[in-house]
């Protein structure tokens, strides 16, 4: 992994803290799964190296919108259907959650568009 311009391999000391190979391996697999980092090879070196994928942050933001929608559908809307006809105090928190998620679903696409425009202007 690259950290401050320095490539890091499996056994690493970061900030004076020893990290076990197992904890690095687990974290690395997770970061690869979510698409944040990628494995790279360096000519003449046998170790694995990793770097943050170009565009990974924007990809994660776009994925976040899909995650917001999935959580809203799964939790808030299903929960409210289960609580139909129940007292308001039982429904209030789910309605608040639904409100928040609907707000972000409305506003998030505009943020992604602005982000993309700023990236294009910066090039």
N, C-alpha and C. Protein backbone atom coordinates (compact mmCIF):
# COMPACT_ATOMS: atom_id res chain seq x y z
N UNK A 1 0.86 -1.16 0.00
CA UNK A 1 0.00 0.00 0.00
C UNK A 1 0.90 1.22 0.00
N UNK A 2 0.44 2.26 -0.64
CA UNK A 2 1.21 3.48 -0.67
C UNK A 2 0.75 4.38 0.46
N UNK A 3 1.70 4.87 1.21
CA UNK A 3 1.39 5.76 2.32
C UNK A 3 2.36 6.92 2.26
N UNK A 4 1.84 8.08 1.90
CA UNK A 4 2.69 9.25 1.80
C UNK A 4 3.80 9.07 0.79
N UNK A 5 3.49 8.44 -0.36
CA UNK A 5 4.48 8.25 -1.40
C UNK A 5 5.37 7.04 -1.19
N UNK A 6 5.22 6.35 -0.08
CA UNK A 6 6.05 5.19 0.23
C UNK A 6 5.20 3.93 0.09
N UNK A 7 5.70 2.95 -0.68
CA UNK A 7 4.97 1.70 -0.84
C UNK A 7 5.18 0.82 0.37
N UNK A 8 4.10 0.22 0.84
CA UNK A 8 4.17 -0.64 2.02
C UNK A 8 3.82 -2.07 1.61
N UNK A 9 4.48 -3.01 2.22
CA UNK A 9 4.19 -4.42 1.98
C UNK A 9 3.39 -4.99 3.14
N UNK A 10 3.51 -6.29 3.37
CA UNK A 10 2.72 -6.99 4.38
C UNK A 10 3.05 -6.68 5.81
N UNK A 11 4.32 -6.72 6.20
CA UNK A 11 4.68 -6.44 7.59
C UNK A 11 5.06 -4.97 7.69
N UNK A 12 4.35 -4.25 8.51
CA UNK A 12 4.52 -2.80 8.53
C UNK A 12 4.47 -2.26 9.94
N UNK A 13 5.26 -1.23 10.17
CA UNK A 13 5.15 -0.44 11.39
C UNK A 13 4.66 0.92 10.95
N UNK A 14 3.49 1.29 11.43
CA UNK A 14 2.92 2.59 11.05
C UNK A 14 2.77 3.44 12.29
N UNK A 15 3.40 4.58 12.31
CA UNK A 15 3.28 5.49 13.45
C UNK A 15 3.71 4.85 14.75
N UNK A 16 4.69 3.96 14.71
CA UNK A 16 5.19 3.34 15.92
C UNK A 16 4.32 2.20 16.42
N UNK A 17 3.26 1.85 15.69
CA UNK A 17 2.35 0.77 16.10
C UNK A 17 2.63 -0.43 15.22
N UNK A 18 2.88 -1.56 15.84
CA UNK A 18 3.07 -2.79 15.06
C UNK A 18 1.73 -3.34 14.64
N UNK A 19 1.63 -3.68 13.38
CA UNK A 19 0.41 -4.27 12.84
C UNK A 19 0.70 -5.71 12.48
N UNK A 20 -0.19 -6.60 12.86
CA UNK A 20 0.04 -8.01 12.56
C UNK A 20 -0.29 -8.28 11.09
N UNK A 21 0.34 -9.30 10.56
CA UNK A 21 0.09 -9.68 9.18
C UNK A 21 -1.38 -10.03 9.00
N UNK A 22 -1.97 -10.70 10.00
CA UNK A 22 -3.38 -11.08 9.91
C UNK A 22 -4.32 -9.88 9.85
N UNK A 23 -4.06 -8.87 10.68
CA UNK A 23 -4.94 -7.70 10.66
C UNK A 23 -4.79 -6.91 9.37
N UNK A 24 -3.56 -6.85 8.85
CA UNK A 24 -3.35 -6.16 7.58
C UNK A 24 -4.03 -6.93 6.45
N UNK A 25 -3.93 -8.24 6.47
CA UNK A 25 -4.55 -9.07 5.45
C UNK A 25 -6.07 -8.90 5.44
N UNK A 26 -6.67 -8.93 6.61
CA UNK A 26 -8.13 -8.76 6.72
C UNK A 26 -8.56 -7.40 6.20
N UNK A 27 -7.86 -6.37 6.64
CA UNK A 27 -8.21 -5.01 6.20
C UNK A 27 -7.99 -4.85 4.71
N UNK A 28 -6.92 -5.44 4.20
CA UNK A 28 -6.62 -5.34 2.77
C UNK A 28 -7.72 -6.01 1.94
N UNK A 29 -8.14 -7.20 2.34
CA UNK A 29 -9.23 -7.90 1.62
C UNK A 29 -10.49 -7.06 1.60
N UNK A 30 -10.82 -6.44 2.74
CA UNK A 30 -12.00 -5.60 2.81
C UNK A 30 -11.88 -4.40 1.86
N UNK A 31 -10.72 -3.75 1.87
CA UNK A 31 -10.52 -2.58 1.01
C UNK A 31 -10.55 -2.95 -0.47
N UNK A 32 -10.09 -4.15 -0.81
CA UNK A 32 -10.18 -4.62 -2.20
C UNK A 32 -11.65 -4.87 -2.56
N UNK A 33 -12.37 -5.53 -1.63
CA UNK A 33 -13.80 -5.83 -1.88
C UNK A 33 -14.63 -4.58 -2.13
N UNK A 34 -14.39 -3.54 -1.36
CA UNK A 34 -15.18 -2.32 -1.53
C UNK A 34 -14.66 -1.46 -2.68
N UNK A 35 -13.57 -1.90 -3.31
CA UNK A 35 -13.07 -1.21 -4.48
C UNK A 35 -12.19 -0.01 -4.20
N UNK A 36 -11.69 0.11 -3.00
CA UNK A 36 -10.88 1.27 -2.66
C UNK A 36 -9.42 1.09 -3.07
N UNK A 37 -8.89 -0.12 -2.95
CA UNK A 37 -7.49 -0.35 -3.31
C UNK A 37 -7.39 -1.46 -4.35
N UNK A 38 -6.21 -1.52 -4.98
CA UNK A 38 -5.93 -2.57 -5.95
C UNK A 38 -4.52 -3.09 -5.72
N UNK A 39 -4.33 -4.35 -6.08
CA UNK A 39 -3.02 -4.99 -5.96
C UNK A 39 -2.19 -4.59 -7.17
N UNK A 40 -0.93 -4.29 -6.92
CA UNK A 40 -0.01 -3.99 -8.02
C UNK A 40 1.25 -4.81 -7.83
N UNK A 41 1.97 -5.04 -8.93
CA UNK A 41 3.26 -5.73 -8.82
C UNK A 41 4.35 -4.76 -9.27
N UNK A 42 5.46 -4.93 -8.68
CA UNK A 42 6.62 -4.12 -9.05
C UNK A 42 7.65 -5.05 -9.66
N UNK A 43 8.18 -4.65 -10.78
CA UNK A 43 9.15 -5.48 -11.49
C UNK A 43 10.31 -5.85 -10.57
N UNK A 44 10.62 -7.13 -10.54
CA UNK A 44 11.74 -7.62 -9.75
C UNK A 44 11.43 -7.82 -8.28
N UNK A 45 10.22 -7.53 -7.86
CA UNK A 45 9.85 -7.72 -6.44
C UNK A 45 8.79 -8.80 -6.34
N UNK A 46 8.92 -9.64 -5.32
CA UNK A 46 8.01 -10.77 -5.17
C UNK A 46 6.85 -10.49 -4.23
N UNK A 47 6.90 -9.40 -3.50
CA UNK A 47 5.83 -9.08 -2.54
C UNK A 47 4.65 -8.44 -3.26
N UNK A 48 3.52 -8.48 -2.61
CA UNK A 48 2.35 -7.78 -3.12
C UNK A 48 2.37 -6.34 -2.61
N UNK A 49 1.99 -5.44 -3.44
CA UNK A 49 1.85 -4.04 -3.07
C UNK A 49 0.46 -3.59 -3.45
N UNK A 50 -0.01 -2.55 -2.78
CA UNK A 50 -1.37 -2.07 -3.00
C UNK A 50 -1.34 -0.56 -3.13
N UNK A 51 -2.31 -0.07 -3.89
CA UNK A 51 -2.45 1.38 -3.99
C UNK A 51 -3.93 1.72 -4.06
N UNK A 52 -4.23 2.94 -3.71
CA UNK A 52 -5.62 3.40 -3.82
C UNK A 52 -5.93 3.50 -5.31
N UNK A 53 -7.06 2.92 -5.72
CA UNK A 53 -7.44 2.92 -7.12
C UNK A 53 -7.78 4.33 -7.57
N UNK A 54 -7.36 4.69 -8.77
CA UNK A 54 -7.77 6.00 -9.30
C UNK A 54 -9.30 6.06 -9.40
N UNK A 55 -9.87 7.15 -8.94
CA UNK A 55 -11.33 7.32 -9.00
C UNK A 55 -12.10 6.55 -7.95
N UNK A 56 -11.39 5.90 -7.03
CA UNK A 56 -12.06 5.04 -6.05
C UNK A 56 -13.01 5.82 -5.15
N UNK A 57 -12.61 7.02 -4.75
CA UNK A 57 -13.46 7.80 -3.83
C UNK A 57 -14.77 8.17 -4.49
N UNK A 58 -14.71 8.57 -5.75
CA UNK A 58 -15.94 8.93 -6.46
C UNK A 58 -16.83 7.71 -6.67
N UNK A 59 -16.21 6.57 -6.97
CA UNK A 59 -16.96 5.33 -7.11
C UNK A 59 -17.67 4.97 -5.82
N UNK A 60 -16.98 5.15 -4.69
CA UNK A 60 -17.59 4.83 -3.40
C UNK A 60 -18.76 5.77 -3.12
N UNK A 61 -18.62 7.04 -3.48
CA UNK A 61 -19.72 7.97 -3.27
C UNK A 61 -20.95 7.57 -4.09
N UNK A 62 -20.72 7.19 -5.34
CA UNK A 62 -21.84 6.76 -6.18
C UNK A 62 -22.50 5.51 -5.61
N UNK A 63 -21.69 4.60 -5.09
CA UNK A 63 -22.22 3.39 -4.46
C UNK A 63 -23.02 3.71 -3.21
N UNK A 64 -22.64 4.78 -2.54
CA UNK A 64 -23.34 5.18 -1.31
C UNK A 64 -24.80 5.52 -1.58
N UNK A 65 -25.07 6.13 -2.74
CA UNK A 65 -26.45 6.46 -3.08
C UNK A 65 -27.28 5.19 -3.21
N UNK A 66 -26.73 4.19 -3.86
CA UNK A 66 -27.44 2.91 -4.01
C UNK A 66 -27.65 2.26 -2.64
N UNK A 67 -26.66 2.38 -1.77
CA UNK A 67 -26.79 1.83 -0.41
C UNK A 67 -27.88 2.55 0.37
N UNK A 68 -27.95 3.87 0.23
CA UNK A 68 -29.00 4.64 0.91
C UNK A 68 -30.39 4.16 0.50
N UNK A 69 -30.56 3.96 -0.80
CA UNK A 69 -31.85 3.51 -1.30
C UNK A 69 -32.18 2.12 -0.77
N UNK A 70 -31.20 1.23 -0.77
CA UNK A 70 -31.43 -0.13 -0.30
C UNK A 70 -31.81 -0.15 1.17
N UNK A 71 -31.12 0.64 1.99
CA UNK A 71 -31.43 0.69 3.42
C UNK A 71 -32.84 1.26 3.64
N UNK A 72 -33.16 2.31 2.90
CA UNK A 72 -34.50 2.90 3.04
C UNK A 72 -35.56 1.88 2.71
N UNK A 73 -35.39 1.19 1.60
CA UNK A 73 -36.39 0.20 1.21
C UNK A 73 -36.50 -0.93 2.20
N UNK A 74 -35.34 -1.40 2.64
CA UNK A 74 -35.31 -2.57 3.52
C UNK A 74 -35.82 -2.25 4.92
N UNK A 75 -35.29 -1.19 5.52
CA UNK A 75 -35.61 -0.92 6.92
C UNK A 75 -36.81 0.00 7.09
N UNK A 76 -36.71 1.19 6.57
CA UNK A 76 -37.74 2.19 6.86
C UNK A 76 -39.09 1.81 6.27
N UNK A 77 -39.14 1.53 4.99
CA UNK A 77 -40.44 1.27 4.37
C UNK A 77 -41.04 -0.06 4.81
N UNK A 78 -40.23 -1.11 4.89
CA UNK A 78 -40.75 -2.40 5.37
C UNK A 78 -41.19 -2.30 6.83
N UNK A 79 -40.37 -1.61 7.62
CA UNK A 79 -40.71 -1.44 9.03
C UNK A 79 -42.02 -0.70 9.21
N UNK A 80 -42.21 0.36 8.43
CA UNK A 80 -43.45 1.12 8.54
C UNK A 80 -44.66 0.28 8.10
N UNK A 81 -44.48 -0.57 7.11
CA UNK A 81 -45.59 -1.46 6.70
C UNK A 81 -45.95 -2.42 7.82
N UNK A 82 -44.91 -2.91 8.51
CA UNK A 82 -45.16 -3.82 9.62
C UNK A 82 -45.89 -3.12 10.77
N UNK A 83 -45.65 -1.82 10.89
CA UNK A 83 -46.25 -1.05 12.00
C UNK A 83 -47.53 -0.31 11.61
N UNK A 84 -48.07 -0.59 10.42
CA UNK A 84 -49.31 0.06 10.01
C UNK A 84 -50.40 -0.22 11.05
N UNK A 85 -51.12 0.84 11.41
CA UNK A 85 -52.18 0.71 12.39
C UNK A 85 -51.71 0.72 13.83
N UNK A 86 -50.42 0.75 14.06
CA UNK A 86 -49.86 0.78 15.42
C UNK A 86 -49.79 2.23 15.89
N UNK A 87 -49.65 2.44 17.19
CA UNK A 87 -49.58 3.80 17.73
C UNK A 87 -48.42 4.59 17.12
N UNK A 88 -48.63 5.90 17.01
CA UNK A 88 -47.65 6.81 16.41
C UNK A 88 -46.28 6.72 17.07
N UNK A 89 -46.24 6.60 18.40
CA UNK A 89 -44.94 6.58 19.08
C UNK A 89 -44.08 5.40 18.64
N UNK A 90 -44.69 4.32 18.15
CA UNK A 90 -43.93 3.17 17.64
C UNK A 90 -43.40 3.43 16.23
N UNK A 91 -44.08 4.27 15.50
CA UNK A 91 -43.72 4.55 14.11
C UNK A 91 -42.79 5.76 13.96
N UNK A 92 -42.77 6.63 14.97
CA UNK A 92 -42.11 7.93 14.85
C UNK A 92 -40.64 7.84 14.42
N UNK A 93 -39.87 6.96 15.02
CA UNK A 93 -38.42 6.87 14.69
C UNK A 93 -38.20 6.38 13.27
N UNK A 94 -39.01 5.43 12.84
CA UNK A 94 -38.87 4.95 11.46
C UNK A 94 -39.29 6.04 10.47
N UNK A 95 -40.30 6.81 10.81
CA UNK A 95 -40.71 7.91 9.94
C UNK A 95 -39.61 8.96 9.85
N UNK A 96 -38.95 9.21 10.97
CA UNK A 96 -37.83 10.16 11.00
C UNK A 96 -36.68 9.62 10.13
N UNK A 97 -36.41 8.33 10.26
CA UNK A 97 -35.36 7.70 9.44
C UNK A 97 -35.70 7.82 7.96
N UNK A 98 -36.94 7.53 7.62
CA UNK A 98 -37.39 7.62 6.23
C UNK A 98 -37.22 9.04 5.71
N UNK A 99 -37.57 10.02 6.52
CA UNK A 99 -37.40 11.43 6.16
C UNK A 99 -35.94 11.75 5.83
N UNK A 100 -35.04 11.32 6.69
CA UNK A 100 -33.60 11.58 6.49
C UNK A 100 -33.12 10.90 5.20
N UNK A 101 -33.47 9.65 5.02
CA UNK A 101 -33.02 8.93 3.83
C UNK A 101 -33.59 9.53 2.55
N UNK A 102 -34.85 9.93 2.57
CA UNK A 102 -35.44 10.56 1.39
C UNK A 102 -34.75 11.89 1.07
N UNK A 103 -34.40 12.64 2.12
CA UNK A 103 -33.67 13.89 1.93
C UNK A 103 -32.35 13.63 1.20
N UNK A 104 -31.56 12.65 1.70
CA UNK A 104 -30.28 12.37 1.07
C UNK A 104 -30.43 11.81 -0.34
N UNK A 105 -31.47 11.03 -0.57
CA UNK A 105 -31.71 10.52 -1.92
C UNK A 105 -31.99 11.66 -2.89
N UNK A 106 -32.70 12.68 -2.42
CA UNK A 106 -32.98 13.85 -3.27
C UNK A 106 -31.74 14.70 -3.51
N UNK A 107 -30.95 14.91 -2.47
CA UNK A 107 -29.83 15.84 -2.53
C UNK A 107 -28.53 15.22 -3.04
N UNK A 108 -28.33 13.95 -2.82
CA UNK A 108 -27.06 13.29 -3.15
C UNK A 108 -26.72 13.36 -4.64
N UNK A 109 -27.67 13.11 -5.55
CA UNK A 109 -27.32 13.19 -6.97
C UNK A 109 -26.78 14.57 -7.38
N UNK A 110 -27.33 15.63 -6.81
CA UNK A 110 -26.84 16.97 -7.13
C UNK A 110 -25.41 17.15 -6.63
N UNK A 111 -25.08 16.60 -5.47
CA UNK A 111 -23.72 16.66 -4.96
C UNK A 111 -22.75 15.89 -5.87
N UNK A 112 -23.18 14.73 -6.34
CA UNK A 112 -22.33 13.95 -7.25
C UNK A 112 -22.10 14.71 -8.55
N UNK A 113 -23.13 15.37 -9.04
CA UNK A 113 -23.01 16.16 -10.27
C UNK A 113 -22.05 17.32 -10.07
N UNK A 114 -22.19 18.04 -8.94
CA UNK A 114 -21.26 19.14 -8.64
C UNK A 114 -19.84 18.64 -8.52
N UNK A 115 -19.65 17.51 -7.87
CA UNK A 115 -18.32 16.92 -7.71
C UNK A 115 -17.71 16.62 -9.07
N UNK A 116 -18.50 16.03 -9.97
CA UNK A 116 -18.02 15.69 -11.31
C UNK A 116 -17.66 16.96 -12.09
N UNK A 117 -18.48 17.99 -11.97
CA UNK A 117 -18.19 19.26 -12.65
C UNK A 117 -16.87 19.86 -12.14
N UNK A 118 -16.67 19.84 -10.84
CA UNK A 118 -15.44 20.38 -10.26
C UNK A 118 -14.22 19.59 -10.72
N UNK A 119 -14.36 18.28 -10.81
CA UNK A 119 -13.24 17.45 -11.30
C UNK A 119 -12.89 17.80 -12.73
N UNK A 120 -13.92 17.99 -13.58
CA UNK A 120 -13.69 18.32 -14.98
C UNK A 120 -13.03 19.69 -15.12
N UNK A 121 -13.47 20.65 -14.30
CA UNK A 121 -12.90 21.99 -14.34
C UNK A 121 -11.46 22.01 -13.86
N UNK A 122 -11.13 21.12 -12.95
CA UNK A 122 -9.77 21.08 -12.38
C UNK A 122 -8.76 20.48 -13.37
N UNK A 123 -9.24 19.74 -14.34
CA UNK A 123 -8.32 19.08 -15.31
C UNK A 123 -7.77 20.02 -16.32
